[in-house]
Amino acid sequence: YRIWWSTLAKSNLTFFKFGALNNRHTPPAVLAAEIDPEWWIVAMNNPRFPVDVLKARLKRDPLLALELVNPELDLVRQLALNGKTRAIREQAMRKLDELY
């Protein structure tokens, strides 16, 4: 079970879709998240959401860190310093203020 998640996290999205959607061990939150992007935010804030899937998703889309309730501070700090646009940097700074 754990092994399946970590291989999933390392692999590409196509495999995620075919492998995960057909695997009966895939948590419903992950399925819903893959189908409906808004669900990602709800699913990722669930403490039981698989950590390695979350890390893989954040690596692909670091902006999601700003949507999390308890993001890793380093991720938010990176966005505050190196965000592509000024809006992203400001949003990351606000998130850091909230967290401290």
C-alpha atoms as a PDB file:
ATOM      1  CA  TYR A   1       0.000   0.000   0.000  1.00  0.00           C
ATOM      2  CA  ARG A   2       2.684   2.507   0.985  1.00  0.00           C
ATOM      3  CA  ILE A   3       4.919   1.356  -1.838  1.00  0.00           C
ATOM      4  CA  TRP A   4       2.127   1.917  -4.320  1.00  0.00           C
ATOM      5  CA  TRP A   5       1.776   5.532  -3.192  1.00  0.00           C
ATOM      6  CA  SER A   6       5.462   6.338  -3.417  1.00  0.00           C
ATOM      7  CA  THR A   7       5.777   4.874  -6.923  1.00  0.00           C
ATOM      8  CA  LEU A   8       2.675   6.839  -7.797  1.00  0.00           C
ATOM      9  CA  ALA A   9       4.202  10.024  -6.471  1.00  0.00           C
ATOM     10  CA  LYS A  10       7.338   9.547  -8.599  1.00  0.00           C
ATOM     11  CA  SER A  11       5.499   8.657 -11.786  1.00  0.00           C
ATOM     12  CA  ASN A  12       3.749  10.859 -14.296  1.00  0.00           C
ATOM     13  CA  LEU A  13       0.170  12.063 -14.373  1.00  0.00           C
ATOM     14  CA  THR A  14      -1.017   9.637 -17.056  1.00  0.00           C
ATOM     15  CA  PHE A  15      -0.020   6.710 -14.910  1.00  0.00           C
ATOM     16  CA  PHE A  16      -1.663   8.438 -11.969  1.00  0.00           C
ATOM     17  CA  LYS A  17      -4.936   8.642 -13.846  1.00  0.00           C
ATOM     18  CA  PHE A  18      -4.966   5.062 -15.114  1.00  0.00           C
ATOM     19  CA  GLY A  19      -3.291   3.411 -12.153  1.00  0.00           C
ATOM     20  CA  ALA A  20      -4.972   5.367  -9.376  1.00  0.00           C
ATOM     21  CA  LEU A  21      -8.451   5.541 -10.817  1.00  0.00           C
ATOM     22  CA  ASN A  22      -8.486   1.772 -11.288  1.00  0.00           C
ATOM     23  CA  ASN A  23      -6.911   0.936  -7.935  1.00  0.00           C
ATOM     24  CA  ARG A  24      -9.404   0.125  -5.211  1.00  0.00           C
ATOM     25  CA  HIS A  25      -6.965   1.390  -2.524  1.00  0.00           C
ATOM     26  CA  THR A  26      -7.006   4.933  -3.869  1.00  0.00           C
ATOM     27  CA  PRO A  27      -8.623   7.178  -1.224  1.00  0.00           C
ATOM     28  CA  PRO A  28     -11.864   8.749  -2.516  1.00  0.00           C
ATOM     29  CA  ALA A  29     -10.455  12.205  -1.773  1.00  0.00           C
ATOM     30  CA  VAL A  30      -7.636  11.625  -4.249  1.00  0.00           C
ATOM     31  CA  LEU A  31     -10.068  10.448  -6.918  1.00  0.00           C
ATOM     32  CA  ALA A  32     -12.301  13.464  -6.416  1.00  0.00           C
ATOM     33  CA  ALA A  33      -9.266  15.738  -6.430  1.00  0.00           C
ATOM     34  CA  GLU A  34      -8.085  14.389  -9.761  1.00  0.00           C
ATOM     35  CA  ILE A  35     -11.501  14.958 -11.320  1.00  0.00           C
ATOM     36  CA  ASP A  36     -12.291  18.341  -9.739  1.00  0.00           C
ATOM     37  CA  PRO A  37      -9.380  20.742  -9.034  1.00  0.00           C
ATOM     38  CA  GLU A  38     -11.282  22.556  -6.275  1.00  0.00           C
ATOM     39  CA  TRP A  39     -11.329  19.278  -4.407  1.00  0.00           C
ATOM     40  CA  TRP A  40      -7.545  19.248  -4.175  1.00  0.00           C
ATOM     41  CA  ILE A  41      -7.624  21.984  -1.598  1.00  0.00           C
ATOM     42  CA  VAL A  42     -10.186  20.175   0.543  1.00  0.00           C
ATOM     43  CA  ALA A  43      -8.455  16.821   0.153  1.00  0.00           C
ATOM     44  CA  MET A  44      -4.949  18.113   0.891  1.00  0.00           C
ATOM     45  CA  ASN A  45      -6.071  19.791   4.077  1.00  0.00           C
ATOM     46  CA  ASN A  46      -7.283  16.428   5.351  1.00  0.00           C
ATOM     47  CA  PRO A  47      -4.635  15.147   7.821  1.00  0.00           C
ATOM     48  CA  ARG A  48      -5.069  11.603   6.469  1.00  0.00           C
ATOM     49  CA  PHE A  49      -4.181  12.633   2.904  1.00  0.00           C
ATOM     50  CA  PRO A  50      -1.089  10.635   1.793  1.00  0.00           C
ATOM     51  CA  VAL A  51       2.004  12.774   2.402  1.00  0.00           C
ATOM     52  CA  ASP A  52       3.956  11.564  -0.628  1.00  0.00           C
ATOM     53  CA  VAL A  53       1.095  12.351  -3.013  1.00  0.00           C
ATOM     54  CA  LEU A  54       0.877  15.819  -1.483  1.00  0.00           C
ATOM     55  CA  LYS A  55       4.650  16.364  -1.876  1.00  0.00           C
ATOM     56  CA  ALA A  56       4.552  15.240  -5.503  1.00  0.00           C
ATOM     57  CA  ARG A  57       1.638  17.567  -6.209  1.00  0.00           C
ATOM     58  CA  LEU A  58       3.358  20.518  -4.487  1.00  0.00           C
ATOM     59  CA  LYS A  59       6.544  19.876  -6.454  1.00  0.00           C
ATOM     60  CA  ARG A  60       4.514  20.133  -9.653  1.00  0.00           C
ATOM     61  CA  ASP A  61       2.419  23.095  -8.493  1.00  0.00           C
ATOM     62  CA  PRO A  62       4.083  24.957  -5.580  1.00  0.00           C
ATOM     63  CA  LEU A  63       1.335  27.608  -5.488  1.00  0.00           C
ATOM     64  CA  LEU A  64      -0.921  25.058  -3.824  1.00  0.00           C
ATOM     65  CA  ALA A  65       1.114  25.618  -0.655  1.00  0.00           C
ATOM     66  CA  LEU A  66      -0.762  28.896  -0.234  1.00  0.00           C
ATOM     67  CA  GLU A  67      -4.070  27.007  -0.123  1.00  0.00           C
ATOM     68  CA  LEU A  68      -3.038  24.618   2.648  1.00  0.00           C
ATOM     69  CA  VAL A  69      -3.960  25.149   6.283  1.00  0.00           C
ATOM     70  CA  ASN A  70      -0.544  24.031   7.567  1.00  0.00           C
ATOM     71  CA  PRO A  71       1.896  24.259   4.664  1.00  0.00           C
ATOM     72  CA  GLU A  72       5.615  23.674   5.088  1.00  0.00           C
ATOM     73  CA  LEU A  73       7.068  27.051   5.981  1.00  0.00           C
ATOM     74  CA  ASP A  74      10.039  26.541   3.650  1.00  0.00           C
ATOM     75  CA  LEU A  75       7.726  26.200   0.667  1.00  0.00           C
ATOM     76  CA  VAL A  76       5.890  29.408   1.510  1.00  0.00           C
ATOM     77  CA  ARG A  77       9.196  31.200   2.176  1.00  0.00           C
ATOM     78  CA  GLN A  78      10.478  30.101  -1.258  1.00  0.00           C
ATOM     79  CA  LEU A  79       7.354  31.505  -2.882  1.00  0.00           C
ATOM     80  CA  ALA A  80       7.707  34.769  -0.958  1.00  0.00           C
ATOM     81  CA  LEU A  81      11.299  35.152  -2.154  1.00  0.00           C
ATOM     82  CA  ASN A  82      11.174  33.663  -5.647  1.00  0.00           C
ATOM     83  CA  GLY A  83       7.531  33.817  -6.721  1.00  0.00           C
ATOM     84  CA  LYS A  84       7.127  34.446 -10.464  1.00  0.00           C
ATOM     85  CA  THR A  85       4.874  37.468 -10.048  1.00  0.00           C
ATOM     86  CA  ARG A  86       4.583  40.196  -7.466  1.00  0.00           C
ATOM     87  CA  ALA A  87       1.053  39.030  -6.592  1.00  0.00           C
ATOM     88  CA  ILE A  88       2.337  35.552  -5.744  1.00  0.00           C
ATOM     89  CA  ARG A  89       5.137  36.982  -3.584  1.00  0.00           C
ATOM     90  CA  GLU A  90       2.675  39.226  -1.719  1.00  0.00           C
ATOM     91  CA  GLN A  91       0.244  36.352  -1.201  1.00  0.00           C
ATOM     92  CA  ALA A  92       3.072  34.209   0.176  1.00  0.00           C
ATOM     93  CA  MET A  93       4.135  37.006   2.539  1.00  0.00           C
ATOM     94  CA  ARG A  94       0.553  37.290   3.834  1.00  0.00           C
ATOM     95  CA  LYS A  95       0.468  33.526   4.357  1.00  0.00           C
ATOM     96  CA  LEU A  96       3.716  33.723   6.353  1.00  0.00           C
ATOM     97  CA  ASP A  97       2.199  36.488   8.500  1.00  0.00           C
ATOM     98  CA  GLU A  98      -0.858  34.286   9.156  1.00  0.00           C
ATOM     99  CA  LEU A  99       1.327  31.372  10.173  1.00  0.00           C
ATOM    100  CA  TYR A 100       3.465  33.340  12.630  1.00  0.00           C
END
